[in-house]
Amino acid sequence: MWTYMRSAEPSVFVRTTAEGVARVRKSKGKYAYLLESTMNEYIEQRKPCDTMKVGGNLDSKGYGIATPKGSSLRTPVNLAVLKLSEQGVLDKLKNKWWYDKGECGAKDSGSKEKTSALSLSNVAGVFYILVGGLGLAMLVALIEFCYKSRAEAKRMKVAKNAQNINPSSSQNSQNFATYKEGYNVYGIESVKI
């Protein structure tokens, strides 16, 4: 990209932001100017309303408030800025001063990435899905347990019935191979062994 930009004729480089914006407006869509996103959003809201931001930001950098080292203001200022950010106040102020008071009219909500403070209503759907999934998993586990228990009971009942229907012959009738008549040493009494 750098090689192409250096070798391009006429040169793609400009000395100031104003010169770059003017060149974008004159080029009728054939020139793109890279600049910091905040300045880009500001220029986009100024007349003649013929520029626009294309794509997302290349990177993200925040702003900070400087305090002297070891200042007692550091923690309260940090907490106040975080609180304002979480409540969405900073985004509301940006919209008020950047878009609502812009010369090109208020931005429609679909054309700009919109951020808002998170509340329970923003994330309630996630919890509904989580609880629904948990309930479904428990229902499937219960059905599986009942099915397997019933199958095991049937298997045990069939095995018990088979044992009752087909008893072994050695339990109910005499097996002549197991009985022997013998005589004791004196030869008088017969003994079953």
C-alpha atoms as a PDB file:
ATOM      1  CA  MET A   1       0.000   0.000   0.000  1.00  0.00           C
ATOM      2  CA  TRP A   2       2.813   2.384   0.916  1.00  0.00           C
ATOM      3  CA  THR A   3       4.642   1.731  -2.369  1.00  0.00           C
ATOM      4  CA  TYR A   4       1.471   2.390  -4.352  1.00  0.00           C
ATOM      5  CA  MET A   5       0.771   5.597  -2.438  1.00  0.00           C
ATOM      6  CA  ARG A   6       4.316   6.905  -2.974  1.00  0.00           C
ATOM      7  CA  SER A   7       4.341   6.110  -6.671  1.00  0.00           C
ATOM      8  CA  ALA A   8       0.843   7.469  -7.455  1.00  0.00           C
ATOM      9  CA  GLU A   9       0.575  10.461  -9.786  1.00  0.00           C
ATOM     10  CA  PRO A  10      -0.747  12.928  -8.857  1.00  0.00           C
ATOM     11  CA  SER A  11       0.472  12.456  -5.307  1.00  0.00           C
ATOM     12  CA  VAL A  12      -2.090  11.145  -2.846  1.00  0.00           C
ATOM     13  CA  PHE A  13      -0.503  13.008   0.069  1.00  0.00           C
ATOM     14  CA  VAL A  14      -1.819  16.312   1.403  1.00  0.00           C
ATOM     15  CA  ARG A  15      -0.401  18.771   3.929  1.00  0.00           C
ATOM     16  CA  THR A  16      -3.528  19.454   6.017  1.00  0.00           C
ATOM     17  CA  THR A  17      -6.824  17.826   6.916  1.00  0.00           C
ATOM     18  CA  ALA A  18      -8.740  20.664   5.249  1.00  0.00           C
ATOM     19  CA  GLU A  19      -6.819  20.053   2.009  1.00  0.00           C
ATOM     20  CA  GLY A  20      -7.578  16.295   2.216  1.00  0.00           C
ATOM     21  CA  VAL A  21     -11.300  16.877   2.799  1.00  0.00           C
ATOM     22  CA  ALA A  22     -11.451  19.374  -0.075  1.00  0.00           C
ATOM     23  CA  ARG A  23      -9.764  16.832  -2.358  1.00  0.00           C
ATOM     24  CA  VAL A  24     -12.284  14.134  -1.350  1.00  0.00           C
ATOM     25  CA  ARG A  25     -15.168  16.480  -2.171  1.00  0.00           C
ATOM     26  CA  LYS A  26     -13.719  17.425  -5.582  1.00  0.00           C
ATOM     27  CA  SER A  27     -12.791  13.853  -6.611  1.00  0.00           C
ATOM     28  CA  LYS A  28     -16.390  12.576  -6.944  1.00  0.00           C
ATOM     29  CA  GLY A  29     -15.588   9.276  -5.192  1.00  0.00           C
ATOM     30  CA  LYS A  30     -12.149   8.639  -6.712  1.00  0.00           C
ATOM     31  CA  TYR A  31     -10.091   9.713  -3.685  1.00  0.00           C
ATOM     32  CA  ALA A  32     -10.213   8.461  -0.104  1.00  0.00           C
ATOM     33  CA  TYR A  33      -8.627  10.282   2.789  1.00  0.00           C
ATOM     34  CA  LEU A  34      -7.518   8.478   5.957  1.00  0.00           C
ATOM     35  CA  LEU A  35      -7.955  10.489   9.112  1.00  0.00           C
ATOM     36  CA  GLU A  36      -8.759  10.147  12.782  1.00  0.00           C
ATOM     37  CA  SER A  37     -12.313   8.853  13.357  1.00  0.00           C
ATOM     38  CA  THR A  38     -13.492  11.695  15.598  1.00  0.00           C
ATOM     39  CA  MET A  39     -12.495  14.296  13.005  1.00  0.00           C
ATOM     40  CA  ASN A  40     -14.053  12.166  10.272  1.00  0.00           C
ATOM     41  CA  GLU A  41     -17.377  12.007  12.148  1.00  0.00           C
ATOM     42  CA  TYR A  42     -17.251  15.767  12.727  1.00  0.00           C
ATOM     43  CA  ILE A  43     -16.591  16.572   9.054  1.00  0.00           C
ATOM     44  CA  GLU A  44     -19.277  14.118   7.982  1.00  0.00           C
ATOM     45  CA  GLN A  45     -21.819  16.235   9.918  1.00  0.00           C
ATOM     46  CA  ARG A  46     -20.784  19.554   8.331  1.00  0.00           C
ATOM     47  CA  LYS A  47     -22.079  21.125   5.134  1.00  0.00           C
ATOM     48  CA  PRO A  48     -22.105  20.403   2.237  1.00  0.00           C
ATOM     49  CA  CYS A  49     -22.879  16.912   3.701  1.00  0.00           C
ATOM     50  CA  ASP A  50     -21.166  15.057   0.859  1.00  0.00           C
ATOM     51  CA  THR A  51     -18.638  12.919   2.755  1.00  0.00           C
ATOM     52  CA  MET A  52     -19.043   9.668   4.627  1.00  0.00           C
ATOM     53  CA  LYS A  53     -17.033   7.232   6.668  1.00  0.00           C
ATOM     54  CA  VAL A  54     -16.381   3.957   4.876  1.00  0.00           C
ATOM     55  CA  GLY A  55     -15.779   0.778   6.897  1.00  0.00           C
ATOM     56  CA  GLY A  56     -14.793   0.496  10.519  1.00  0.00           C
ATOM     57  CA  ASN A  57     -11.983   2.102  12.441  1.00  0.00           C
ATOM     58  CA  LEU A  58      -8.464   0.794  11.827  1.00  0.00           C
ATOM     59  CA  ASP A  59      -7.763   0.827  15.561  1.00  0.00           C
ATOM     60  CA  SER A  60      -9.225   2.200  18.754  1.00  0.00           C
ATOM     61  CA  LYS A  61      -7.744   4.751  21.094  1.00  0.00           C
ATOM     62  CA  GLY A  62      -9.362   6.389  24.064  1.00  0.00           C
ATOM     63  CA  TYR A  63      -9.041   9.790  25.592  1.00  0.00           C
ATOM     64  CA  GLY A  64      -7.733  10.459  29.072  1.00  0.00           C
ATOM     65  CA  ILE A  65      -7.795  13.196  31.665  1.00  0.00           C
ATOM     66  CA  ALA A  66      -4.362  14.037  33.019  1.00  0.00           C
ATOM     67  CA  THR A  67      -3.780  14.668  36.713  1.00  0.00           C
ATOM     68  CA  PRO A  68      -0.521  15.290  38.542  1.00  0.00           C
ATOM     69  CA  LYS A  69       1.258  12.201  39.839  1.00  0.00           C
ATOM     70  CA  GLY A  70      -0.226  11.122  43.184  1.00  0.00           C
ATOM     71  CA  SER A  71      -3.191  13.503  42.852  1.00  0.00           C
ATOM     72  CA  SER A  72      -6.206  12.858  45.058  1.00  0.00           C
ATOM     73  CA  LEU A  73      -8.433  13.658  42.046  1.00  0.00           C
ATOM     74  CA  ARG A  74      -7.278  10.617  40.054  1.00  0.00           C
ATOM     75  CA  THR A  75      -9.594   8.009  41.611  1.00  0.00           C
ATOM     76  CA  PRO A  76     -12.771  10.161  41.816  1.00  0.00           C
ATOM     77  CA  VAL A  77     -12.348  11.335  38.195  1.00  0.00           C
ATOM     78  CA  ASN A  78     -11.755   7.752  36.969  1.00  0.00           C
ATOM     79  CA  LEU A  79     -14.828   6.502  38.821  1.00  0.00           C
ATOM     80  CA  ALA A  80     -16.976   9.378  37.546  1.00  0.00           C
ATOM     81  CA  VAL A  81     -15.943   8.763  33.915  1.00  0.00           C
ATOM     82  CA  LEU A  82     -16.583   5.008  34.266  1.00  0.00           C
ATOM     83  CA  LYS A  83     -19.997   5.661  35.816  1.00  0.00           C
ATOM     84  CA  LEU A  84     -20.951   8.084  33.019  1.00  0.00           C
ATOM     85  CA  SER A  85     -19.805   5.562  30.418  1.00  0.00           C
ATOM     86  CA  GLU A  86     -21.733   2.657  31.987  1.00  0.00           C
ATOM     87  CA  GLN A  87     -24.896   4.752  32.222  1.00  0.00           C
ATOM     88  CA  GLY A  88     -24.608   5.771  28.560  1.00  0.00           C
ATOM     89  CA  VAL A  89     -24.314   9.490  29.380  1.00  0.00           C
ATOM     90  CA  LEU A  90     -21.116   9.923  27.334  1.00  0.00           C
ATOM     91  CA  ASP A  91     -22.769   8.407  24.250  1.00  0.00           C
ATOM     92  CA  LYS A  92     -25.829  10.630  24.723  1.00  0.00           C
ATOM     93  CA  LEU A  93     -23.609  13.719  24.950  1.00  0.00           C
ATOM     94  CA  LYS A  94     -21.690  12.701  21.827  1.00  0.00           C
ATOM     95  CA  ASN A  95     -24.932  12.174  19.917  1.00  0.00           C
ATOM     96  CA  LYS A  96     -26.305  15.498  21.171  1.00  0.00           C
ATOM     97  CA  TRP A  97     -23.285  17.581  20.159  1.00  0.00           C
ATOM     98  CA  TRP A  98     -22.078  15.586  17.162  1.00  0.00           C
ATOM     99  CA  TYR A  99     -25.193  14.386  15.361  1.00  0.00           C
ATOM    100  CA  ASP A 100     -28.260  16.139  16.759  1.00  0.00           C
ATOM    101  CA  LYS A 101     -26.636  19.559  16.348  1.00  0.00           C
ATOM    102  CA  GLY A 102     -24.891  18.604  13.109  1.00  0.00           C
ATOM    103  CA  GLU A 103     -25.552  20.604   9.948  1.00  0.00           C
ATOM    104  CA  CYS A 104     -26.542  17.464   8.039  1.00  0.00           C
ATOM    105  CA  GLY A 105     -29.414  16.458  10.305  1.00  0.00           C
ATOM    106  CA  ALA A 106     -29.680  13.727  12.884  1.00  0.00           C
ATOM    107  CA  LYS A 107     -28.190  10.397  11.926  1.00  0.00           C
ATOM    108  CA  ASP A 108     -30.648   7.589  11.385  1.00  0.00           C
ATOM    109  CA  SER A 109     -30.016   4.730  13.781  1.00  0.00           C
ATOM    110  CA  GLY A 110     -29.251   2.217  11.021  1.00  0.00           C
ATOM    111  CA  SER A 111     -26.328   4.079   9.455  1.00  0.00           C
ATOM    112  CA  LYS A 112     -24.115   4.386  12.509  1.00  0.00           C
ATOM    113  CA  GLU A 113     -22.941   1.809  14.976  1.00  0.00           C
ATOM    114  CA  LYS A 114     -24.851   2.643  18.128  1.00  0.00           C
ATOM    115  CA  THR A 115     -23.710   1.807  21.621  1.00  0.00           C
ATOM    116  CA  SER A 116     -25.894   1.863  24.674  1.00  0.00           C
ATOM    117  CA  ALA A 117     -25.527   1.144  28.338  1.00  0.00           C
ATOM    118  CA  LEU A 118     -26.223  -2.472  29.224  1.00  0.00           C
ATOM    119  CA  SER A 119     -29.250  -3.126  31.357  1.00  0.00           C
ATOM    120  CA  LEU A 120     -31.097  -6.273  32.386  1.00  0.00           C
ATOM    121  CA  SER A 121     -33.497  -5.878  29.465  1.00  0.00           C
ATOM    122  CA  ASN A 122     -30.536  -5.926  27.030  1.00  0.00           C
ATOM    123  CA  VAL A 123     -29.293  -9.305  28.266  1.00  0.00           C
ATOM    124  CA  ALA A 124     -32.548 -10.927  29.443  1.00  0.00           C
ATOM    125  CA  GLY A 125     -32.833 -12.927  26.214  1.00  0.00           C
ATOM    126  CA  VAL A 126     -29.517 -14.627  26.881  1.00  0.00           C
ATOM    127  CA  PHE A 127     -30.738 -15.755  30.294  1.00  0.00           C
ATOM    128  CA  TYR A 128     -34.054 -16.962  28.845  1.00  0.00           C
ATOM    129  CA  ILE A 129     -32.163 -19.109  26.353  1.00  0.00           C
ATOM    130  CA  LEU A 130     -29.862 -20.392  29.096  1.00  0.00           C
ATOM    131  CA  VAL A 131     -32.769 -21.341  31.397  1.00  0.00           C
ATOM    132  CA  GLY A 132     -34.672 -22.895  28.482  1.00  0.00           C
ATOM    133  CA  GLY A 133     -31.624 -24.961  27.510  1.00  0.00           C
ATOM    134  CA  LEU A 134     -31.156 -26.087  31.100  1.00  0.00           C
ATOM    135  CA  GLY A 135     -34.827 -27.116  31.338  1.00  0.00           C
ATOM    136  CA  LEU A 136     -34.621 -28.989  28.026  1.00  0.00           C
ATOM    137  CA  ALA A 137     -31.462 -30.803  29.155  1.00  0.00           C
ATOM    138  CA  MET A 138     -33.126 -31.837  32.424  1.00  0.00           C
ATOM    139  CA  LEU A 139     -36.217 -33.079  30.540  1.00  0.00           C
ATOM    140  CA  VAL A 140     -34.080 -35.136  28.146  1.00  0.00           C
ATOM    141  CA  ALA A 141     -32.117 -36.584  31.089  1.00  0.00           C
ATOM    142  CA  LEU A 142     -35.368 -37.541  32.872  1.00  0.00           C
ATOM    143  CA  ILE A 143     -36.804 -39.191  29.752  1.00  0.00           C
ATOM    144  CA  GLU A 144     -33.546 -41.064  29.189  1.00  0.00           C
ATOM    145  CA  PHE A 145     -33.482 -42.229  32.826  1.00  0.00           C
ATOM    146  CA  CYS A 146     -37.094 -43.460  32.640  1.00  0.00           C
ATOM    147  CA  TYR A 147     -36.487 -45.220  29.319  1.00  0.00           C
ATOM    148  CA  LYS A 148     -33.355 -46.987  30.551  1.00  0.00           C
ATOM    149  CA  SER A 149     -35.010 -47.933  33.871  1.00  0.00           C
ATOM    150  CA  ARG A 150     -37.997 -49.404  32.057  1.00  0.00           C
ATOM    151  CA  ALA A 151     -35.769 -51.293  29.631  1.00  0.00           C
ATOM    152  CA  GLU A 152     -33.743 -52.691  32.542  1.00  0.00           C
ATOM    153  CA  ALA A 153     -36.917 -53.702  34.403  1.00  0.00           C
ATOM    154  CA  LYS A 154     -38.236 -55.478  31.298  1.00  0.00           C
ATOM    155  CA  ARG A 155     -34.925 -57.252  30.848  1.00  0.00           C
ATOM    156  CA  MET A 156     -34.911 -58.391  34.484  1.00  0.00           C
ATOM    157  CA  LYS A 157     -38.565 -59.531  34.254  1.00  0.00           C
ATOM    158  CA  VAL A 158     -37.921 -61.492  31.054  1.00  0.00           C
ATOM    159  CA  ALA A 159     -34.889 -63.174  32.619  1.00  0.00           C
ATOM    160  CA  LYS A 160     -36.891 -64.084  35.754  1.00  0.00           C
ATOM    161  CA  ASN A 161     -39.813 -65.408  33.678  1.00  0.00           C
ATOM    162  CA  ALA A 162     -37.470 -67.478  31.543  1.00  0.00           C
ATOM    163  CA  GLN A 163     -36.004 -68.987  34.668  1.00  0.00           C
ATOM    164  CA  ASN A 164     -39.484 -69.833  36.029  1.00  0.00           C
ATOM    165  CA  ILE A 165     -40.730 -71.311  32.739  1.00  0.00           C
ATOM    166  CA  ASN A 166     -37.676 -73.471  32.083  1.00  0.00           C
ATOM    167  CA  PRO A 167     -36.558 -74.841  35.442  1.00  0.00           C
ATOM    168  CA  SER A 168     -33.565 -77.118  35.379  1.00  0.00           C
ATOM    169  CA  SER A 169     -34.345 -80.810  35.703  1.00  0.00           C
ATOM    170  CA  SER A 170     -31.967 -81.292  38.617  1.00  0.00           C
ATOM    171  CA  GLN A 171     -34.068 -79.069  40.910  1.00  0.00           C
ATOM    172  CA  ASN A 172     -37.484 -80.829  40.615  1.00  0.00           C
ATOM    173  CA  SER A 173     -36.748 -84.442  39.776  1.00  0.00           C
ATOM    174  CA  GLN A 174     -34.336 -86.961  41.045  1.00  0.00           C
ATOM    175  CA  ASN A 175     -31.161 -87.224  39.171  1.00  0.00           C
ATOM    176  CA  PHE A 176     -30.117 -90.783  39.319  1.00  0.00           C
ATOM    177  CA  ALA A 177     -26.498 -89.970  38.681  1.00  0.00           C
ATOM    178  CA  THR A 178     -26.253 -88.084  41.950  1.00  0.00           C
ATOM    179  CA  TYR A 179     -27.656 -90.873  44.094  1.00  0.00           C
ATOM    180  CA  LYS A 180     -25.769 -93.978  44.936  1.00  0.00           C
ATOM    181  CA  GLU A 181     -26.646 -96.646  47.239  1.00  0.00           C
ATOM    182  CA  GLY A 182     -23.858 -97.710  49.359  1.00  0.00           C
ATOM    183  CA  TYR A 183     -23.319 -99.807  52.342  1.00  0.00           C
ATOM    184  CA  ASN A 184     -21.565 -98.870  55.462  1.00  0.00           C
ATOM    185  CA  VAL A 185     -18.669-100.804  56.652  1.00  0.00           C
ATOM    186  CA  TYR A 186     -20.912-103.301  58.329  1.00  0.00           C
ATOM    187  CA  GLY A 187     -22.987-103.865  55.156  1.00  0.00           C
ATOM    188  CA  ILE A 188     -26.331-103.521  56.888  1.00  0.00           C
ATOM    189  CA  GLU A 189     -27.781-100.051  56.053  1.00  0.00           C
ATOM    190  CA  SER A 190     -28.113 -98.397  52.686  1.00  0.00           C
ATOM    191  CA  VAL A 191     -26.954 -94.758  52.492  1.00  0.00           C
ATOM    192  CA  LYS A 192     -27.676 -92.139  49.823  1.00  0.00           C
ATOM    193  CA  ILE A 193     -24.586 -90.264  48.895  1.00  0.00           C
END
